[in-house]
């Protein structure tokens, strides 16, 4: 009866008036009344639940929480969604390149074997490893169980994070030591920064000792990243993409993976590599997409399907560009991108949401109203600019 009264009181409390104490109380009720039945159906034992969930409280310091009675935050904490110029800081890239080359020598035999097994070149595995955890050196300041449970209760994607919380409990139940469950603020684990469900799906034994240890084994980390990329659709023998020069006759509204064509066809439109070198002969008849991550105000790229495999790891265009670029620097010592980045739009995420709504109301496809300037939003901006008689830039002003 007391539990029923607590639930009724929590439901009767105006959302906007809830204090942290009330939210914490509601969090405990949610864990026991909503999450525990799901966890039990997933095979979590009562002993595991009592040992690791009892007494769990929300972590209010995690970014981007959606508190009861509040709208979703209008900023984005991940570096991938901030200034591109800062993201491609040359000093940081140089340091990551030097470390990557050293590790390429250290793990040469392992990387060769993994590439033979998966088709994924070793320099891209090193680049993902660098971006995710600074080659395993990055601190993971959060408790994964507390983080995932908090985001399951207080985030824009409660179902996703609740499932990941249960998957984390399953990892512990399968033998992962509790002290290894340290994570990023998003709940990602280990050196490859896998979400708990991805640990179960993609972690692999790379050093031949019979276990897949993404926390302590560098070889296992590399094998696991390779397996993730392979299972996500990596095309053996293809590059990720090329920085190109975009002639004024090619409109930015041609960008996007749904408008892919052969590199030979892009060449016929006047697109060339910024390096002046020809496109590789094995690529010219293959499909590629035009990518303009900052519209016409930034560098231009032709990207292959492997670019979008990088995006399976992280949905950001800048993330995928960074991984491809760093991999090229590790393997081929390439210089920085030639194109200059535009300044980030002088709009908050909330204002971009408003812009997307206006575009949708005008009949344009923005790919979802999420406050992020993805390729469909960029293209919709360009088409709206064209409809108003402007030269399209595909970038919010």
Protein backbone atom coordinates (compact mmCIF):
# COMPACT_ATOMS: atom_id res chain seq x y z
CA UNK A 1 0.00 0.00 0.00
CA UNK A 2 2.81 2.45 0.86
CA UNK A 3 4.47 1.85 -2.56
CA UNK A 4 1.15 2.51 -4.30
CA UNK A 5 0.76 5.79 -2.40
CA UNK A 6 4.30 6.84 -3.35
CA UNK A 7 3.58 6.12 -7.01
CA UNK A 8 0.31 8.07 -6.86
CA UNK A 9 2.05 10.99 -5.16
CA UNK A 10 4.80 10.99 -7.80
CA UNK A 11 2.20 10.98 -10.56
CA UNK A 12 0.18 13.70 -8.87
CA UNK A 13 3.18 15.99 -8.41
CA UNK A 14 3.34 18.61 -11.19
CA UNK A 15 6.32 17.75 -13.34
CA UNK A 16 7.70 21.26 -13.31
CA UNK A 17 7.60 21.28 -9.51
CA UNK A 18 9.60 18.14 -8.91
CA UNK A 19 12.68 18.59 -6.74
CA UNK A 20 15.79 16.45 -7.07
CA UNK A 21 14.63 14.51 -4.06
CA UNK A 22 11.34 13.74 -5.78
CA UNK A 23 13.11 12.83 -9.03
CA UNK A 24 15.44 10.50 -7.11
CA UNK A 25 12.44 8.87 -5.46
CA UNK A 26 10.75 8.42 -8.83
CA UNK A 27 13.99 6.97 -10.22
CA UNK A 28 14.01 4.24 -7.58
CA UNK A 29 10.36 3.42 -8.25
CA UNK A 30 11.03 3.27 -12.00
CA UNK A 31 13.97 0.89 -11.52
CA UNK A 32 12.00 -1.55 -9.41
CA UNK A 33 8.59 -1.32 -11.03
CA UNK A 34 9.54 -0.87 -14.71
CA UNK A 35 13.13 -1.95 -15.29
CA UNK A 36 13.37 -4.99 -13.03
CA UNK A 37 10.62 -6.94 -14.88
CA UNK A 38 12.41 -6.20 -18.19
CA UNK A 39 15.74 -7.24 -16.72
CA UNK A 40 14.28 -10.47 -15.34
CA UNK A 41 12.87 -11.34 -18.77
CA UNK A 42 16.35 -10.70 -20.22
CA UNK A 43 17.87 -13.26 -17.85
CA UNK A 44 19.15 -11.01 -15.06
CA UNK A 45 18.94 -12.82 -11.74
CA UNK A 46 17.54 -11.31 -8.56
CA UNK A 47 20.96 -11.81 -6.96
CA UNK A 48 22.65 -9.71 -9.68
CA UNK A 49 19.95 -7.06 -9.40
CA UNK A 50 20.18 -6.82 -5.64
CA UNK A 51 23.98 -6.71 -5.69
CA UNK A 52 24.43 -3.99 -8.30
CA UNK A 53 21.21 -1.98 -8.53
CA UNK A 54 20.13 -1.63 -4.94
CA UNK A 55 20.82 1.91 -3.73
CA UNK A 56 21.57 3.27 -7.23
CA UNK A 57 20.82 7.01 -7.53
CA UNK A 58 20.76 9.34 -10.55
CA UNK A 59 23.92 11.18 -11.59
CA UNK A 60 22.73 14.74 -12.13
CA UNK A 61 26.12 15.85 -13.48
CA UNK A 62 25.73 13.93 -16.76
CA UNK A 63 25.23 16.29 -19.73
CA UNK A 64 22.00 16.53 -21.71
CA UNK A 65 19.60 15.14 -19.12
CA UNK A 66 15.92 15.82 -19.64
CA UNK A 67 14.51 16.61 -16.21
CA UNK A 68 10.79 16.14 -15.58
CA UNK A 69 8.86 19.18 -16.75
CA UNK A 70 11.71 20.43 -18.94
CA UNK A 71 12.16 20.26 -22.69
CA UNK A 72 15.12 18.46 -24.25
CA UNK A 73 18.38 20.46 -24.13
CA UNK A 74 19.14 22.56 -27.18
CA UNK A 75 22.91 22.08 -27.12
CA UNK A 76 25.02 19.08 -28.04
CA UNK A 77 27.86 18.04 -25.76
CA UNK A 78 29.72 15.76 -28.13
CA UNK A 79 32.74 17.37 -29.77
CA UNK A 80 31.57 16.01 -33.13
CA UNK A 81 28.82 18.63 -33.24
CA UNK A 82 30.92 21.69 -32.44
CA UNK A 83 33.28 23.83 -34.52
CA UNK A 84 34.87 21.78 -37.35
CA UNK A 85 38.05 23.86 -37.25
CA UNK A 86 38.60 23.00 -33.59
CA UNK A 87 37.76 19.37 -34.25
CA UNK A 88 40.59 19.11 -36.81
CA UNK A 89 43.16 20.87 -34.64
CA UNK A 90 46.48 20.19 -36.35
CA UNK A 91 48.49 19.95 -33.15
CA UNK A 92 46.20 17.25 -31.79
CA UNK A 93 46.16 15.45 -35.13
CA UNK A 94 49.97 15.47 -35.27
CA UNK A 95 50.22 13.96 -31.80
CA UNK A 96 47.65 11.29 -32.66
CA UNK A 97 49.53 10.53 -35.90
CA UNK A 98 52.87 10.07 -34.12
CA UNK A 99 51.32 7.76 -31.54
CA UNK A 100 49.47 5.86 -34.25
CA UNK A 101 52.63 5.22 -36.25
CA UNK A 102 54.39 3.92 -33.17
CA UNK A 103 51.51 1.56 -32.43
CA UNK A 104 51.40 0.50 -36.09
CA UNK A 105 54.97 -0.77 -35.70
CA UNK A 106 54.27 -2.37 -32.34
CA UNK A 107 51.21 -4.24 -33.63
CA UNK A 108 52.32 -4.76 -37.24
CA UNK A 109 51.78 -8.52 -37.25
CA UNK A 110 48.43 -8.25 -35.46
CA UNK A 111 47.18 -5.53 -37.82
CA UNK A 112 48.25 -7.52 -40.89
CA UNK A 113 46.43 -10.59 -39.62
CA UNK A 114 43.28 -8.63 -38.76
CA UNK A 115 43.21 -6.96 -42.18
CA UNK A 116 43.56 -10.35 -43.84
CA UNK A 117 40.62 -11.65 -41.79
CA UNK A 118 38.29 -8.64 -42.03
CA UNK A 119 39.44 -6.52 -44.97
CA UNK A 120 39.74 -3.43 -42.79
CA UNK A 121 43.14 -1.66 -43.10
CA UNK A 122 45.04 -1.33 -39.86
CA UNK A 123 45.57 2.42 -40.08
CA UNK A 124 41.80 2.97 -39.87
CA UNK A 125 41.58 0.72 -36.81
CA UNK A 126 44.25 2.84 -35.17
CA UNK A 127 42.37 6.02 -36.09
CA UNK A 128 39.13 4.79 -34.51
CA UNK A 129 41.04 3.68 -31.41
CA UNK A 130 42.64 7.11 -31.17
CA UNK A 131 39.38 9.00 -31.56
CA UNK A 132 37.50 6.83 -29.09
CA UNK A 133 39.93 6.55 -26.20
CA UNK A 134 43.26 8.17 -27.18
CA UNK A 135 44.71 4.68 -27.74
CA UNK A 136 43.35 3.51 -24.40
CA UNK A 137 44.79 6.40 -22.38
CA UNK A 138 41.61 8.47 -21.95
CA UNK A 139 40.07 8.57 -18.51
CA UNK A 140 36.58 7.13 -18.16
CA UNK A 141 35.17 9.16 -15.28
CA UNK A 142 31.65 7.76 -15.00
CA UNK A 143 30.15 4.68 -13.43
CA UNK A 144 28.51 2.88 -16.35
CA UNK A 145 25.57 1.40 -14.43
CA UNK A 146 24.67 4.70 -12.82
CA UNK A 147 25.16 6.58 -16.08
CA UNK A 148 23.02 4.24 -18.16
CA UNK A 149 20.28 4.04 -15.55
CA UNK A 150 20.22 7.83 -15.25
CA UNK A 151 19.94 8.27 -19.00
CA UNK A 152 17.28 5.57 -19.13
CA UNK A 153 15.19 7.68 -16.77
CA UNK A 154 16.21 11.21 -17.79
CA UNK A 155 17.05 11.43 -21.50
CA UNK A 156 15.58 11.81 -24.98
CA UNK A 157 16.08 8.07 -25.66
CA UNK A 158 14.88 6.26 -22.53
CA UNK A 159 14.17 2.91 -24.20
CA UNK A 160 17.64 2.79 -25.76
CA UNK A 161 19.52 3.55 -22.55
CA UNK A 162 17.32 1.27 -20.46
CA UNK A 163 18.17 -1.61 -22.79
CA UNK A 164 21.87 -0.72 -22.53
CA UNK A 165 21.61 -0.64 -18.73
CA UNK A 166 20.22 -4.18 -18.77
CA UNK A 167 22.96 -5.22 -21.22
CA UNK A 168 25.56 -3.82 -18.79
CA UNK A 169 24.10 -5.92 -15.99
CA UNK A 170 24.31 -8.93 -18.29
CA UNK A 171 28.02 -8.27 -18.90
CA UNK A 172 28.64 -8.29 -15.14
CA UNK A 173 26.60 -11.45 -14.79
CA UNK A 174 28.73 -13.04 -17.54
CA UNK A 175 31.89 -12.26 -15.62
CA UNK A 176 33.05 -8.72 -16.43
CA UNK A 177 34.42 -7.32 -13.14
CA UNK A 178 32.28 -4.57 -11.67
CA UNK A 179 35.31 -2.26 -11.41
CA UNK A 180 35.72 -2.33 -15.19
CA UNK A 181 32.32 -0.78 -15.70
CA UNK A 182 33.68 2.74 -16.11
CA UNK A 183 32.34 4.74 -19.02
CA UNK A 184 32.00 7.98 -20.92
CA UNK A 185 29.07 10.25 -20.07
CA UNK A 186 27.10 8.32 -22.71
CA UNK A 187 27.79 4.93 -21.11
CA UNK A 188 30.39 3.61 -23.59
CA UNK A 189 32.88 1.03 -22.32
CA UNK A 190 36.50 0.05 -22.76
CA UNK A 191 39.14 1.14 -25.23
CA UNK A 192 36.88 0.86 -28.32
CA UNK A 193 34.11 2.72 -26.44
CA UNK A 194 31.43 0.12 -27.17
CA UNK A 195 27.96 0.40 -25.70
CA UNK A 196 27.24 -2.69 -23.56
CA UNK A 197 25.12 -4.41 -26.23
CA UNK A 198 27.97 -3.86 -28.73
CA UNK A 199 30.44 -5.52 -26.37
CA UNK A 200 28.33 -8.66 -26.58
CA UNK A 201 28.02 -8.44 -30.38
CA UNK A 202 31.41 -7.27 -31.55
CA UNK A 203 34.16 -7.91 -28.97
CA UNK A 204 36.72 -10.40 -30.30
CA UNK A 205 39.84 -12.19 -29.11
CA UNK A 206 42.79 -10.64 -30.93
CA UNK A 207 45.70 -12.07 -28.96
CA UNK A 208 44.64 -15.72 -28.97
CA UNK A 209 44.23 -16.20 -25.24
CA UNK A 210 40.59 -17.27 -25.54
CA UNK A 211 38.96 -14.13 -24.13
CA UNK A 212 37.83 -10.83 -25.65
CA UNK A 213 39.18 -8.15 -23.33
CA UNK A 214 38.42 -4.63 -24.64
CA UNK A 215 39.67 -3.10 -21.39
CA UNK A 216 43.17 -4.47 -21.02
CA UNK A 217 44.22 -5.99 -24.35
CA UNK A 218 45.34 -3.78 -27.23
CA UNK A 219 45.16 -6.68 -29.68
CA UNK A 220 41.61 -7.51 -28.59
CA UNK A 221 40.69 -3.83 -28.92
CA UNK A 222 41.94 -3.71 -32.53
CA UNK A 223 40.25 -7.01 -33.44
CA UNK A 224 36.98 -5.80 -31.91
CA UNK A 225 37.01 -2.49 -33.79
CA UNK A 226 37.72 -4.38 -37.01
CA UNK A 227 34.84 -6.77 -36.36
CA UNK A 228 32.52 -3.83 -35.70
CA UNK A 229 33.44 -2.19 -39.01
CA UNK A 230 33.27 -5.45 -40.94
CA UNK A 231 29.85 -6.32 -39.55
CA UNK A 232 28.71 -2.77 -40.34
CA UNK A 233 29.42 -3.33 -44.04
CA UNK A 234 33.06 -2.45 -44.71
CA UNK A 235 33.87 -2.90 -48.41
CA UNK A 236 37.27 -4.54 -48.80
CA UNK A 237 39.63 -2.78 -51.18
CA UNK A 238 37.86 0.57 -51.22
CA UNK A 239 39.04 3.84 -49.69
CA UNK A 240 36.83 6.05 -47.50
CA UNK A 241 36.88 9.13 -49.76
CA UNK A 242 38.78 12.00 -51.35
CA UNK A 243 38.88 15.75 -50.83
CA UNK A 244 37.84 17.39 -54.09
CA UNK A 245 37.52 20.73 -55.83
CA UNK A 246 33.92 21.63 -56.55
CA UNK A 247 33.32 23.68 -59.72
CA UNK A 248 30.70 26.43 -59.50
CA UNK A 249 28.52 24.52 -61.97
CA UNK A 250 27.96 21.71 -59.46
CA UNK A 251 25.21 22.69 -57.05
CA UNK A 252 25.48 21.78 -53.40
CA UNK A 253 22.01 20.24 -53.62
CA UNK A 254 23.60 17.23 -55.38
CA UNK A 255 25.16 16.15 -52.08
CA UNK A 256 23.99 13.13 -50.12
CA UNK A 257 24.32 9.33 -50.23
CA UNK A 258 20.94 9.01 -51.91
CA UNK A 259 22.36 10.84 -54.93
CA UNK A 260 25.48 8.75 -55.34
CA UNK A 261 26.94 8.14 -58.80
CA UNK A 262 30.19 6.73 -60.13
CA UNK A 263 33.37 8.70 -59.59
CA UNK A 264 33.76 8.71 -63.38
CA UNK A 265 30.40 10.55 -63.62
CA UNK A 266 31.48 13.06 -60.98
CA UNK A 267 34.65 13.65 -62.99
CA UNK A 268 32.50 14.37 -66.05
CA UNK A 269 30.88 17.19 -64.06
CA UNK A 270 34.31 18.74 -63.48
CA UNK A 271 35.08 17.44 -59.98
CA UNK A 272 38.78 16.76 -59.40
CA UNK A 273 40.96 15.83 -56.44
CA UNK A 274 42.51 18.78 -54.61
CA UNK A 275 45.87 17.01 -54.79
CA UNK A 276 45.78 17.09 -58.59
CA UNK A 277 46.31 13.33 -58.70
CA UNK A 278 43.84 11.18 -60.65
CA UNK A 279 41.33 9.09 -58.79
CA UNK A 280 42.57 5.50 -58.31
CA UNK A 281 41.68 3.34 -61.28
CA UNK A 282 39.89 0.79 -59.11
CA UNK A 283 37.64 3.55 -57.73
CA UNK A 284 36.59 5.39 -60.89
CA UNK A 285 33.75 3.04 -61.81
CA UNK A 286 32.60 2.69 -58.20
CA UNK A 287 29.82 4.64 -56.50
CA UNK A 288 30.59 7.72 -54.41
CA UNK A 289 28.58 10.51 -52.79
CA UNK A 290 29.22 14.23 -52.67
CA UNK A 291 29.76 15.38 -49.09
CA UNK A 292 29.69 19.07 -48.11
CA UNK A 293 29.79 19.05 -44.30
CA UNK A 294 29.71 22.87 -44.16
CA UNK A 295 27.86 23.48 -47.43
CA UNK A 296 29.81 25.46 -50.00
CA UNK A 297 31.59 27.29 -47.18
CA UNK A 298 33.84 24.37 -46.31
CA UNK A 299 35.85 21.55 -47.91
CA UNK A 300 34.19 19.17 -50.37
CA UNK A 301 34.59 15.39 -50.57
CA UNK A 302 33.58 12.40 -52.62
CA UNK A 303 32.99 9.62 -50.11
CA UNK A 304 32.56 5.88 -50.62
CA UNK A 305 30.26 3.49 -48.73
CA UNK A 306 33.09 2.95 -46.23
CA UNK A 307 32.66 6.53 -45.03
CA UNK A 308 29.16 5.59 -43.90
CA UNK A 309 30.55 2.53 -42.15
CA UNK A 310 32.58 4.94 -40.00
CA UNK A 311 29.29 6.71 -39.29
CA UNK A 312 27.87 3.47 -37.92
CA UNK A 313 30.42 3.96 -35.13
CA UNK A 314 29.38 7.58 -34.63
CA UNK A 315 26.68 9.35 -36.63
CA UNK A 316 28.64 12.58 -37.13
CA UNK A 317 30.05 13.47 -40.55
CA UNK A 318 32.98 15.15 -38.79
CA UNK A 319 33.74 12.00 -36.82
CA UNK A 320 33.88 9.92 -40.00
CA UNK A 321 36.05 12.54 -41.72
CA UNK A 322 38.38 12.66 -38.74
CA UNK A 323 38.84 8.88 -38.66
CA UNK A 324 39.47 8.69 -42.41
CA UNK A 325 41.84 11.65 -42.34
CA UNK A 326 43.81 10.44 -39.32
CA UNK A 327 44.09 6.97 -40.84
CA UNK A 328 45.52 8.54 -44.01
CA UNK A 329 47.98 10.59 -41.96
CA UNK A 330 49.16 7.50 -40.09
CA UNK A 331 49.62 5.49 -43.28
CA UNK A 332 50.56 8.08 -45.91
CA UNK A 333 51.61 11.25 -44.04
CA UNK A 334 49.01 13.40 -45.84
CA UNK A 335 48.70 17.09 -45.05
CA UNK A 336 45.66 18.93 -43.69
CA UNK A 337 42.49 19.37 -45.71
CA UNK A 338 42.82 22.12 -48.31
CA UNK A 339 39.36 23.64 -47.88
CA UNK A 340 38.75 26.10 -45.08
CA UNK A 341 35.93 25.40 -42.68
CA UNK A 342 33.02 27.77 -42.29
CA UNK A 343 32.26 29.07 -38.84
CA UNK A 344 29.60 26.98 -37.11
CA UNK A 345 26.07 28.36 -37.65
CA UNK A 346 25.22 31.19 -35.27
CA UNK A 347 22.16 29.31 -34.19
CA UNK A 348 21.36 27.29 -31.10
CA UNK A 349 20.17 23.74 -31.48
CA UNK A 350 16.70 24.97 -30.63
CA UNK A 351 16.85 27.54 -33.41
CA UNK A 352 17.97 24.84 -35.86
CA UNK A 353 14.97 22.77 -34.75
CA UNK A 354 12.78 25.78 -35.57
CA UNK A 355 14.50 26.14 -38.95
CA UNK A 356 13.90 22.44 -39.67
CA UNK A 357 10.22 22.79 -38.78
CA UNK A 358 9.86 25.73 -41.13
CA UNK A 359 11.52 23.76 -43.93
CA UNK A 360 9.26 20.75 -43.30
CA UNK A 361 6.20 23.00 -43.33
CA UNK A 362 7.38 24.33 -46.70
CA UNK A 363 7.54 20.77 -48.06
CA UNK A 364 11.26 19.98 -47.72
CA UNK A 365 12.75 16.75 -46.34
CA UNK A 366 15.20 17.53 -43.52
CA UNK A 367 15.68 13.90 -42.47
CA UNK A 368 14.14 14.42 -39.04
CA UNK A 369 13.73 17.40 -36.74
CA UNK A 370 16.68 16.91 -34.42
CA UNK A 371 18.55 20.23 -34.27
CA UNK A 372 21.53 18.82 -36.19
CA UNK A 373 22.56 20.08 -39.62
CA UNK A 374 22.80 16.73 -41.42
CA UNK A 375 23.00 16.26 -45.16
CA UNK A 376 19.23 16.35 -45.71
CA UNK A 377 18.89 19.55 -43.72
CA UNK A 378 21.80 21.09 -45.62
CA UNK A 379 20.23 20.08 -48.92
CA UNK A 380 16.81 21.38 -47.88
CA UNK A 381 18.40 24.73 -47.05
CA UNK A 382 20.02 24.78 -50.49
CA UNK A 383 16.77 23.96 -52.26
CA UNK A 384 14.94 26.64 -50.30
CA UNK A 385 17.66 29.12 -51.26
CA UNK A 386 17.26 28.12 -54.91
CA UNK A 387 13.48 28.56 -54.69
CA UNK A 388 14.08 32.12 -53.44
CA UNK A 389 16.38 32.89 -56.33
CA UNK A 390 19.56 32.76 -54.25
CA UNK A 391 22.84 31.02 -55.01
CA UNK A 392 22.57 27.92 -52.80
CA UNK A 393 25.11 27.46 -50.02
CA UNK A 394 23.40 24.54 -48.22
CA UNK A 395 24.39 26.08 -44.92
CA UNK A 396 22.33 27.99 -42.35
CA UNK A 397 23.00 31.70 -42.20
